[in-house]
Amino acid sequence: MNRFVQFNRYENRAGNYTLKYPLSNTYFGMNSKLETQLAELLEANIISADIVQKITLFYHTKEEDKPNRLFVIFGILGALLTGLGLILIIAHNWDDMPRSTKTVLAFFPLILGQIACAYSHIKKKSTAWVESSATFLILAVGAAISLVSQIYNIPGNLSNFLFVWIAITAPLMYLLGSKVALVIHLILSTWYASYLGYSYKGPIPWWYLLQFAWAIPFYITLLKKQPKSNMTGVLNWLIPLSAAIAIGTFTNGDTLVCMMYLGFFGFLYNIGQVSVFKKQKLRRNGPAIIGSLGSSFLLTILSFEWFWKDAPLESYPLAELLMTVALFLAGAAVLIYLYLKKQIKSFNLFQYAFIIIGALYLTKSFGYVHGIILTNILVATLGLFAIRIGINKNSYGILNYGLLLITVLIICRFFDTNLDFVFRGILFIAVGAGFFFTNYLLLKKQGKNAINSNTKSHE
């Protein structure tokens, strides 16, 4: 039997094709569910055997063109283990080797990795080959840098080591088209920024901005060509998480950091409303989820009195001020873009929350009471908006997210207000009843929609 599906059939008097042998004996190259459905359609004379053959051939060819994900994963793991194994073997006999031998051994994995990458690129090997060779070469570069520094006693610290490692391996993602190289680049860049900003307490890691920007064109290309691939889904989360971790290194930890992050999360949420992200499943829309959760968390913190009362406007460092203004402007620019492209179908308060709080922050010199009150109202309204979105989209997750946001706000006010315990108890009972009632309404709505769809299908 060749690679295409062969059907043994005969033509009956009605002109329909019928298989001579049971359908289960044929080779489909597809999942059993689709095979069963095709068999039922064929036996009911809804589709002909020719159509079955075309459908089968289409999926069979599609499966052949798709890279073996498991093979790619094991190839990358194999490259990681091989690289670590070579390092351990060399390290075991390291002290007994002369300097010249140490130098040769330090560069040997690097040369081996370059040969593997060149072979993969020139011969246009499979995805597993490309990703494995890229992973091995990146590890070999890091090992070579550290070993040469140790052999010749070259001074330096971890930030210098990471910077050189990133600079040397950065072109690999474009030269080989390696997604794993992009992932490792982001991890190393985030590590570099975190070490300077959080551990080493050195200067602001401005180089991170260039390292991050270097990866964006490759990521945008993936979004255009492979928006639904698993690796693109991972990067939808990894890129905003990397930026969220690194942003804290651009501030000294004063009150402006809250506004800086609020502008960033507002920018992220609006990015998540762009069609390329919004068309995907919610779990793959990392910018929208991170932006929403981050904004809700920060706004809950800002609903306390201490932020508005004990943190008056002051003279901030220029770098922090510029970063904060740039993030707010970027969020507003994305919002304008969505309006111009007519991608905003209805009003969504989450898209404007960062602008509202930013405007309130500028009015702190006139007092703080209005800021506290309006922030609490904003958080409660955001919870109601999330409930409405959850009901409209038939999503229990978004619905309960809105209810949880209101519950957290009530709990916060439970500890910093002098409300009567009876009133507090009534509030908790009301919220608990709201959980049950709204979930019941959504369940009832889904049941009604299912009944209506079944009725229309029978008609």
Protein backbone atom coordinates (compact mmCIF):
# COMPACT_ATOMS: atom_id res chain seq x y z
CA MET A 1 0.00 0.00 0.00
CA ASN A 2 1.40 3.42 -0.94
CA ARG A 3 1.18 6.52 1.26
CA PHE A 4 -2.23 7.52 -0.10
CA VAL A 5 -5.44 5.91 0.96
CA GLN A 6 -6.61 3.18 -1.38
CA PHE A 7 -10.35 2.53 -1.55
CA ASN A 8 -11.83 -0.67 -2.95
CA ARG A 9 -15.29 0.31 -4.09
CA TYR A 10 -18.06 -0.56 -6.51
CA GLU A 11 -20.92 1.48 -7.92
CA ASN A 12 -24.47 0.44 -7.05
CA ARG A 13 -27.56 1.07 -9.10
CA ALA A 14 -28.25 4.40 -7.46
CA GLY A 15 -24.88 5.63 -8.66
CA ASN A 16 -23.40 5.76 -5.15
CA TYR A 17 -20.00 4.43 -4.27
CA THR A 18 -19.83 1.73 -1.61
CA LEU A 19 -16.71 0.27 -0.04
CA LYS A 20 -16.16 -3.42 -0.65
CA TYR A 21 -14.38 -3.76 2.70
CA PRO A 22 -15.10 -2.30 6.12
CA LEU A 23 -13.88 1.27 6.58
CA SER A 24 -11.87 0.32 9.65
CA ASN A 25 -9.56 -1.72 7.41
CA THR A 26 -8.51 1.36 5.46
CA TYR A 27 -5.63 3.60 6.41
CA PHE A 28 -6.61 7.15 7.19
CA GLY A 29 -3.59 8.64 8.87
CA MET A 30 -5.96 10.67 11.05
CA ASN A 31 -7.43 10.45 14.53
CA SER A 32 -10.01 7.76 15.21
CA LYS A 33 -12.78 10.29 15.93
CA LEU A 34 -12.57 11.79 12.46
CA GLU A 35 -12.30 8.31 10.95
CA THR A 36 -15.51 7.26 12.72
CA GLN A 37 -17.34 10.37 11.59
CA LEU A 38 -16.30 9.84 7.98
CA ALA A 39 -17.42 6.24 8.17
CA GLU A 40 -20.86 7.27 9.43
CA LEU A 41 -21.24 9.92 6.72
CA LEU A 42 -20.17 7.47 4.04
CA GLU A 43 -22.50 4.70 5.19
CA ALA A 44 -25.40 7.18 5.31
CA ASN A 45 -24.62 8.21 1.70
CA ILE A 46 -24.17 11.84 2.81
CA ILE A 47 -20.73 12.02 1.17
CA SER A 48 -19.18 9.90 -1.54
CA ALA A 49 -16.03 7.81 -1.35
CA ASP A 50 -14.25 10.34 -3.58
CA ILE A 51 -14.88 13.07 -1.01
CA VAL A 52 -13.68 10.76 1.77
CA GLN A 53 -10.51 10.12 -0.20
CA LYS A 54 -9.89 13.84 -0.73
CA ILE A 55 -10.47 14.61 2.96
CA THR A 56 -8.18 11.77 3.98
CA LEU A 57 -5.46 12.84 1.57
CA PHE A 58 -5.68 16.43 2.83
CA TYR A 59 -5.20 15.49 6.50
CA HIS A 60 -2.59 12.88 5.66
CA THR A 61 -0.49 15.43 3.78
CA LYS A 62 -1.02 17.96 6.57
CA GLU A 63 0.26 15.50 9.16
CA GLU A 64 3.33 14.77 7.05
CA ASP A 65 4.18 18.46 6.74
CA LYS A 66 3.75 19.07 10.47
CA PRO A 67 6.96 18.64 12.50
CA ASN A 68 7.01 15.89 15.09
CA ARG A 69 6.65 17.89 18.31
CA LEU A 70 7.77 15.04 20.50
CA PHE A 71 10.88 14.53 18.39
CA VAL A 72 11.69 18.26 18.62
CA ILE A 73 11.31 18.22 22.40
CA PHE A 74 13.51 15.16 22.84
CA GLY A 75 16.03 16.61 20.41
CA ILE A 76 16.34 19.76 22.51
CA LEU A 77 16.58 17.74 25.72
CA GLY A 78 19.23 15.55 24.11
CA ALA A 79 21.27 18.63 23.16
CA LEU A 80 20.98 19.98 26.72
CA LEU A 81 22.06 16.69 28.30
CA THR A 82 24.90 16.20 25.83
CA GLY A 83 26.24 19.67 26.48
CA LEU A 84 26.03 19.25 30.25
CA GLY A 85 27.62 15.82 30.02
CA LEU A 86 30.62 17.16 28.09
CA ILE A 87 31.06 19.91 30.66
CA LEU A 88 30.98 17.41 33.55
CA ILE A 89 33.48 15.08 31.88
CA ILE A 90 35.87 17.94 31.24
CA ALA A 91 35.40 19.33 34.76
CA HIS A 92 36.26 15.94 36.34
CA ASN A 93 39.81 15.97 34.91
CA TRP A 94 40.21 19.72 34.67
CA ASP A 95 42.89 20.29 37.32
CA ASP A 96 45.26 17.69 35.83
CA MET A 97 45.28 19.18 32.31
CA PRO A 98 47.82 21.67 30.92
CA ARG A 99 46.61 25.11 29.87
CA SER A 100 46.83 24.35 26.13
CA THR A 101 44.66 21.23 26.53
CA LYS A 102 42.15 23.18 28.60
CA THR A 103 41.91 25.83 25.86
CA VAL A 104 41.32 23.21 23.15
CA LEU A 105 38.65 21.50 25.24
CA ALA A 106 37.00 24.85 25.98
CA PHE A 107 36.57 25.55 22.26
CA PHE A 108 35.78 21.97 21.19
CA PRO A 109 32.02 22.07 22.07
CA LEU A 110 31.82 25.51 20.44
CA ILE A 111 33.28 24.21 17.16
CA LEU A 112 31.07 21.11 17.33
CA GLY A 113 27.99 23.26 17.82
CA GLN A 114 28.89 25.51 14.89
CA ILE A 115 29.34 22.48 12.63
CA ALA A 116 25.95 21.11 13.69
CA CYS A 117 24.24 24.47 13.07
CA ALA A 118 25.93 24.88 9.67
CA TYR A 119 24.91 21.36 8.66
CA SER A 120 21.31 21.97 9.76
CA HIS A 121 21.12 25.24 7.84
CA ILE A 122 22.85 24.18 4.63
CA LYS A 123 21.09 20.82 4.35
CA LYS A 124 17.78 22.39 5.44
CA LYS A 125 17.24 19.73 8.06
CA SER A 126 14.11 19.27 10.15
CA THR A 127 12.94 21.52 12.97
CA ALA A 128 14.31 19.06 15.53
CA TRP A 129 17.78 19.34 14.00
CA VAL A 130 17.70 23.13 13.92
CA GLU A 131 16.42 23.59 17.48
CA SER A 132 18.76 20.96 18.92
CA SER A 133 21.87 22.35 17.24
CA ALA A 134 20.96 25.93 18.24
CA THR A 135 20.45 24.89 21.86
CA PHE A 136 23.77 23.04 21.93
CA LEU A 137 25.65 25.97 20.39
CA ILE A 138 24.21 28.49 22.87
CA LEU A 139 25.29 26.29 25.79
CA ALA A 140 28.70 25.78 24.19
CA VAL A 141 29.20 29.55 23.88
CA GLY A 142 28.41 30.03 27.58
CA ALA A 143 30.74 27.20 28.55
CA ALA A 144 33.56 28.54 26.35
CA ILE A 145 33.30 32.05 27.81
CA SER A 146 33.39 30.82 31.40
CA LEU A 147 36.20 28.31 30.78
CA VAL A 148 38.46 30.77 28.94
CA SER A 149 37.90 33.32 31.72
CA GLN A 150 38.90 30.72 34.30
CA ILE A 151 41.93 29.45 32.36
CA TYR A 152 43.46 32.88 31.77
CA ASN A 153 42.16 34.51 34.98
CA ILE A 154 40.16 37.18 33.16
CA PRO A 155 38.35 39.33 35.77
CA GLY A 156 34.62 39.98 35.56
CA ASN A 157 31.28 39.41 37.22
CA LEU A 158 28.05 37.65 36.35
CA SER A 159 26.54 40.68 34.60
CA ASN A 160 29.54 40.96 32.25
CA PHE A 161 29.43 37.22 31.55
CA LEU A 162 25.71 37.32 30.74
CA PHE A 163 26.11 40.42 28.57
CA VAL A 164 28.83 38.81 26.42
CA TRP A 165 26.91 35.52 26.22
CA ILE A 166 23.76 37.31 25.05
CA ALA A 167 25.62 39.48 22.53
CA ILE A 168 27.34 36.48 20.88
CA THR A 169 24.29 34.22 20.66
CA ALA A 170 21.66 36.88 19.79
CA PRO A 171 21.97 36.46 15.97
CA LEU A 172 21.22 32.72 16.14
CA MET A 173 17.43 33.16 16.25
CA TYR A 174 17.55 34.97 12.90
CA LEU A 175 20.32 32.92 11.26
CA LEU A 176 18.68 29.58 12.03
CA GLY A 177 15.08 30.64 12.56
CA SER A 178 15.24 28.99 15.98
CA LYS A 179 12.39 29.58 18.40
CA VAL A 180 14.31 27.96 21.26
CA ALA A 181 17.15 30.45 20.67
CA LEU A 182 14.59 33.23 21.18
CA VAL A 183 13.35 31.65 24.42
CA ILE A 184 16.90 31.29 25.79
CA HIS A 185 17.72 34.85 24.71
CA LEU A 186 14.75 36.19 26.69
CA ILE A 187 15.66 34.13 29.76
CA LEU A 188 19.29 35.30 29.71
CA SER A 189 18.26 38.93 29.11
CA THR A 190 15.82 38.83 32.04
CA TRP A 191 18.51 37.25 34.21
CA TYR A 192 20.94 40.01 33.21
CA ALA A 193 18.48 42.81 34.05
CA SER A 194 17.43 41.18 37.34
CA TYR A 195 21.01 40.69 38.49
CA LEU A 196 21.91 44.32 37.87
CA GLY A 197 18.69 45.80 39.21
CA TYR A 198 17.77 43.51 42.11
CA SER A 199 20.88 41.64 43.30
CA TYR A 200 23.97 43.51 42.27
CA LYS A 201 22.40 46.95 42.82
CA GLY A 202 24.40 48.29 39.93
CA PRO A 203 23.43 50.80 37.26
CA ILE A 204 20.11 50.70 35.44
CA PRO A 205 20.30 47.86 32.85
CA TRP A 206 19.71 49.98 29.77
CA TRP A 207 21.19 47.23 27.59
CA TYR A 208 18.15 45.11 28.40
CA LEU A 209 16.00 47.42 26.29
CA LEU A 210 18.17 46.69 23.25
CA GLN A 211 18.25 42.96 24.02
CA PHE A 212 14.47 42.89 24.37
CA ALA A 213 13.93 44.97 21.22
CA TRP A 214 16.22 42.61 19.28
CA ALA A 215 13.79 39.72 19.86
CA ILE A 216 10.59 41.57 18.91
CA PRO A 217 10.88 41.41 15.07
CA PHE A 218 11.36 37.63 15.20
CA TYR A 219 8.37 37.32 17.53
CA ILE A 220 6.20 39.49 15.25
CA THR A 221 7.14 37.25 12.31
CA LEU A 222 6.00 34.21 14.30
CA LEU A 223 2.72 35.95 15.13
CA LYS A 224 2.07 36.56 11.44
CA LYS A 225 3.15 33.18 10.08
CA GLN A 226 2.44 30.78 12.96
CA PRO A 227 -0.07 32.51 15.29
CA LYS A 228 -1.53 29.23 16.58
CA SER A 229 1.67 27.24 17.11
CA ASN A 230 2.54 26.05 20.62
CA MET A 231 5.81 27.98 20.73
CA THR A 232 4.05 31.21 19.76
CA GLY A 233 1.61 30.59 22.61
CA VAL A 234 4.54 30.18 25.02
CA LEU A 235 6.11 33.41 23.77
CA ASN A 236 2.78 35.21 24.22
CA TRP A 237 3.38 34.67 27.93
CA LEU A 238 7.17 34.75 28.14
CA ILE A 239 7.71 38.14 26.47
CA PRO A 240 5.32 40.15 28.72
CA LEU A 241 6.58 38.28 31.80
CA SER A 242 10.19 39.13 30.92
CA ALA A 243 9.27 42.81 30.54
CA ALA A 244 7.24 42.78 33.77
CA ILE A 245 10.21 41.39 35.73
CA ALA A 246 12.71 43.80 34.20
CA ILE A 247 10.69 47.01 34.56
CA GLY A 248 11.28 47.04 38.32
CA THR A 249 15.01 47.46 37.70
CA PHE A 250 14.41 50.93 36.22
CA THR A 251 13.20 52.43 39.50
CA ASN A 252 14.53 52.93 43.01
CA GLY A 253 11.39 51.52 44.57
CA ASP A 254 9.58 54.77 45.37
CA THR A 255 5.90 55.41 44.80
CA LEU A 256 6.42 56.08 41.11
CA VAL A 257 7.01 52.36 40.57
CA CYS A 258 3.28 51.74 41.07
CA MET A 259 2.42 54.19 38.30
CA MET A 260 5.15 52.76 36.09
CA TYR A 261 3.73 49.25 36.41
CA LEU A 262 0.17 50.51 36.03
CA GLY A 263 1.08 52.12 32.71
CA PHE A 264 2.80 48.90 31.66
CA PHE A 265 -0.16 46.69 32.54
CA GLY A 266 -2.53 49.09 30.78
CA PHE A 267 -0.34 48.90 27.69
CA LEU A 268 -0.29 45.08 27.91
CA TYR A 269 -4.05 44.78 28.24
CA ASN A 270 -4.64 46.96 25.18
CA ILE A 271 -2.07 44.96 23.22
CA GLY A 272 -4.12 41.88 24.12
CA GLN A 273 -7.14 43.47 22.41
CA VAL A 274 -5.38 43.66 19.04
CA SER A 275 -6.99 41.24 16.59
CA VAL A 276 -3.97 38.93 16.31
CA PHE A 277 -4.28 38.17 20.05
CA LYS A 278 -8.03 38.53 20.50
CA LYS A 279 -8.77 35.92 17.82
CA GLN A 280 -6.88 33.31 19.84
CA LYS A 281 -8.13 31.36 22.82
CA LEU A 282 -8.02 33.28 26.09
CA ARG A 283 -5.38 31.01 27.62
CA ARG A 284 -3.01 31.93 24.76
CA ASN A 285 -3.60 35.68 25.18
CA GLY A 286 -0.84 36.32 27.68
CA PRO A 287 -0.79 40.15 27.29
CA ALA A 288 -4.52 40.49 28.09
CA ILE A 289 -4.44 38.14 31.09
CA ILE A 290 -1.24 39.56 32.59
CA GLY A 291 -2.42 43.11 31.92
CA SER A 292 -5.80 42.50 33.56
CA LEU A 293 -4.42 40.67 36.61
CA GLY A 294 -1.60 43.18 37.08
CA SER A 295 -3.92 46.18 36.79
CA SER A 296 -6.43 44.67 39.23
CA PHE A 297 -3.70 43.86 41.76
CA LEU A 298 -2.16 47.33 41.59
CA LEU A 299 -5.51 49.11 41.74
CA THR A 300 -6.43 47.10 44.82
CA ILE A 301 -3.19 48.25 46.46
CA LEU A 302 -3.86 51.85 45.41
CA SER A 303 -7.30 51.69 47.03
CA PHE A 304 -5.60 51.97 50.45
CA GLU A 305 -5.13 55.32 52.14
CA TRP A 306 -1.36 55.09 52.56
CA PHE A 307 -0.57 55.54 48.87
CA TRP A 308 -2.55 58.74 48.49
CA LYS A 309 -1.79 60.22 51.91
CA ASP A 310 1.84 59.32 52.61
CA ALA A 311 3.25 59.58 49.10
CA PRO A 312 2.97 63.18 47.91
CA LEU A 313 4.30 64.27 44.55
CA GLU A 314 8.04 64.80 44.61
CA SER A 315 10.99 65.22 42.31
CA TYR A 316 11.67 61.87 40.65
CA PRO A 317 14.81 60.75 38.81
CA LEU A 318 14.63 61.60 35.11
CA ALA A 319 15.04 57.96 33.98
CA GLU A 320 12.07 56.76 36.05
CA LEU A 321 9.91 59.66 34.99
CA LEU A 322 10.69 59.12 31.31
CA MET A 323 10.00 55.38 31.58
CA THR A 324 6.64 55.99 33.27
CA VAL A 325 5.56 58.61 30.74
CA ALA A 326 6.69 56.39 27.85
CA LEU A 327 4.62 53.44 29.12
CA PHE A 328 1.49 55.57 29.56
CA LEU A 329 1.93 57.05 26.09
CA ALA A 330 2.46 53.59 24.62
CA GLY A 331 -0.77 52.35 26.21
CA ALA A 332 -2.66 55.39 24.90
CA ALA A 333 -1.13 54.89 21.43
CA VAL A 334 -2.35 51.28 21.28
CA LEU A 335 -5.80 52.48 22.36
CA ILE A 336 -5.85 55.04 19.54
CA TYR A 337 -4.71 52.35 17.10
CA LEU A 338 -7.60 50.11 18.15
CA TYR A 339 -10.03 52.97 17.54
CA LEU A 340 -8.58 53.78 14.12
CA LYS A 341 -8.70 50.11 13.09
CA LYS A 342 -12.25 49.84 14.48
CA GLN A 343 -11.26 46.90 16.68
CA ILE A 344 -13.10 48.31 19.71
CA LYS A 345 -16.65 46.99 19.46
CA SER A 346 -17.91 48.01 22.92
CA PHE A 347 -16.78 50.00 25.94
CA ASN A 348 -14.37 48.10 28.19
CA LEU A 349 -13.30 49.91 31.37
CA PHE A 350 -10.16 47.77 31.72
CA GLN A 351 -8.72 49.54 28.66
CA TYR A 352 -9.00 52.98 30.29
CA ALA A 353 -8.30 52.22 33.97
CA PHE A 354 -4.60 53.17 33.80
CA ILE A 355 -5.44 56.55 32.23
CA ILE A 356 -8.03 57.31 34.94
CA ILE A 357 -5.62 56.54 37.79
CA GLY A 358 -2.82 58.42 36.03
CA ALA A 359 -5.01 61.52 35.91
CA LEU A 360 -5.94 61.09 39.59
CA TYR A 361 -2.26 60.76 40.50
CA LEU A 362 -1.55 64.16 38.98
CA THR A 363 -4.19 65.72 41.27
CA LYS A 364 -2.65 64.46 44.54
CA SER A 365 -1.40 67.93 45.40
CA PHE A 366 -5.05 69.05 45.79
CA GLY A 367 -5.81 66.35 48.36
CA TYR A 368 -6.04 62.60 48.73
CA VAL A 369 -9.61 61.80 49.80
CA HIS A 370 -11.04 61.98 46.29
CA GLY A 371 -8.28 59.67 45.03
CA ILE A 372 -9.12 56.99 47.61
CA ILE A 373 -12.86 57.16 46.95
CA LEU A 374 -12.58 57.16 43.15
CA THR A 375 -10.05 54.31 43.16
CA ASN A 376 -12.37 52.13 45.24
CA ILE A 377 -15.26 52.96 42.92
CA LEU A 378 -13.09 52.13 39.91
CA VAL A 379 -12.07 48.70 41.30
CA ALA A 380 -15.69 47.83 42.10
CA THR A 381 -16.79 48.94 38.63
CA LEU A 382 -14.03 46.85 37.03
CA GLY A 383 -15.39 43.83 38.89
CA LEU A 384 -18.87 44.54 37.52
CA PHE A 385 -17.47 44.92 34.00
CA ALA A 386 -15.68 41.57 34.31
CA ILE A 387 -18.98 39.99 35.42
CA ARG A 388 -20.74 41.46 32.39
CA ILE A 389 -18.01 40.27 30.01
CA GLY A 390 -18.15 36.79 31.54
CA ILE A 391 -21.93 36.59 31.06
CA ASN A 392 -21.76 37.88 27.48
CA LYS A 393 -18.99 35.42 26.57
CA ASN A 394 -20.47 32.51 28.58
CA SER A 395 -17.18 32.31 30.50
CA TYR A 396 -17.28 31.11 34.11
CA GLY A 397 -13.63 32.09 34.54
CA ILE A 398 -14.14 35.78 33.66
CA LEU A 399 -17.43 35.89 35.59
CA ASN A 400 -15.88 34.58 38.82
CA TYR A 401 -12.81 36.75 38.26
CA GLY A 402 -15.06 39.82 38.48
CA LEU A 403 -16.78 38.49 41.58
CA LEU A 404 -13.41 37.71 43.17
CA LEU A 405 -12.20 41.25 42.46
CA ILE A 406 -15.20 42.71 44.30
CA THR A 407 -14.70 40.25 47.16
CA VAL A 408 -11.03 41.21 47.57
CA LEU A 409 -11.99 44.88 47.62
CA ILE A 410 -14.55 44.24 50.39
CA ILE A 411 -11.98 42.24 52.39
CA CYS A 412 -9.50 45.12 52.10
CA ARG A 413 -12.09 47.58 53.38
CA PHE A 414 -12.91 45.13 56.17
CA PHE A 415 -9.49 45.77 57.73
CA ASP A 416 -9.00 49.51 57.17
CA THR A 417 -12.46 50.91 57.93
CA ASN A 418 -14.58 51.19 61.06
CA LEU A 419 -17.74 49.77 59.59
CA ASP A 420 -20.12 47.97 61.91
CA PHE A 421 -19.65 44.18 62.02
CA VAL A 422 -23.29 43.64 61.10
CA PHE A 423 -22.84 45.76 57.98
CA ARG A 424 -19.65 43.89 57.12
CA GLY A 425 -21.47 40.60 57.52
CA ILE A 426 -24.28 41.79 55.23
CA LEU A 427 -21.70 42.72 52.60
CA PHE A 428 -20.10 39.26 52.67
CA ILE A 429 -23.50 37.58 52.49
CA ALA A 430 -24.43 39.77 49.51
CA VAL A 431 -21.21 38.89 47.67
CA GLY A 432 -21.64 35.19 48.43
CA ALA A 433 -25.20 35.30 47.12
CA GLY A 434 -23.88 37.12 44.07
CA PHE A 435 -21.48 34.25 43.35
CA PHE A 436 -24.30 31.71 43.40
CA PHE A 437 -26.83 33.87 41.54
CA THR A 438 -24.58 34.97 38.67
CA ASN A 439 -23.19 31.47 38.13
CA TYR A 440 -26.76 30.14 38.12
CA LEU A 441 -27.80 32.75 35.54
CA LEU A 442 -24.86 31.83 33.30
CA LEU A 443 -25.62 28.12 33.62
CA LYS A 444 -29.27 28.77 32.75
CA LYS A 445 -28.25 30.92 29.76
CA GLN A 446 -25.95 28.20 28.43
CA GLY A 447 -28.73 25.62 28.75
CA LYS A 448 -31.16 27.87 26.88
CA ASN A 449 -28.60 28.47 24.11
CA ALA A 450 -28.02 24.72 23.77
CA ILE A 451 -31.77 24.07 23.45
CA ASN A 452 -32.14 26.81 20.83
CA SER A 453 -29.20 25.51 18.79
CA ASN A 454 -30.60 21.97 18.84
CA THR A 455 -34.02 23.28 17.75
CA LYS A 456 -32.50 25.18 14.83
CA SER A 457 -30.45 22.18 13.75
CA HIS A 458 -33.55 19.96 13.63
CA GLU A 459 -35.44 22.55 11.65
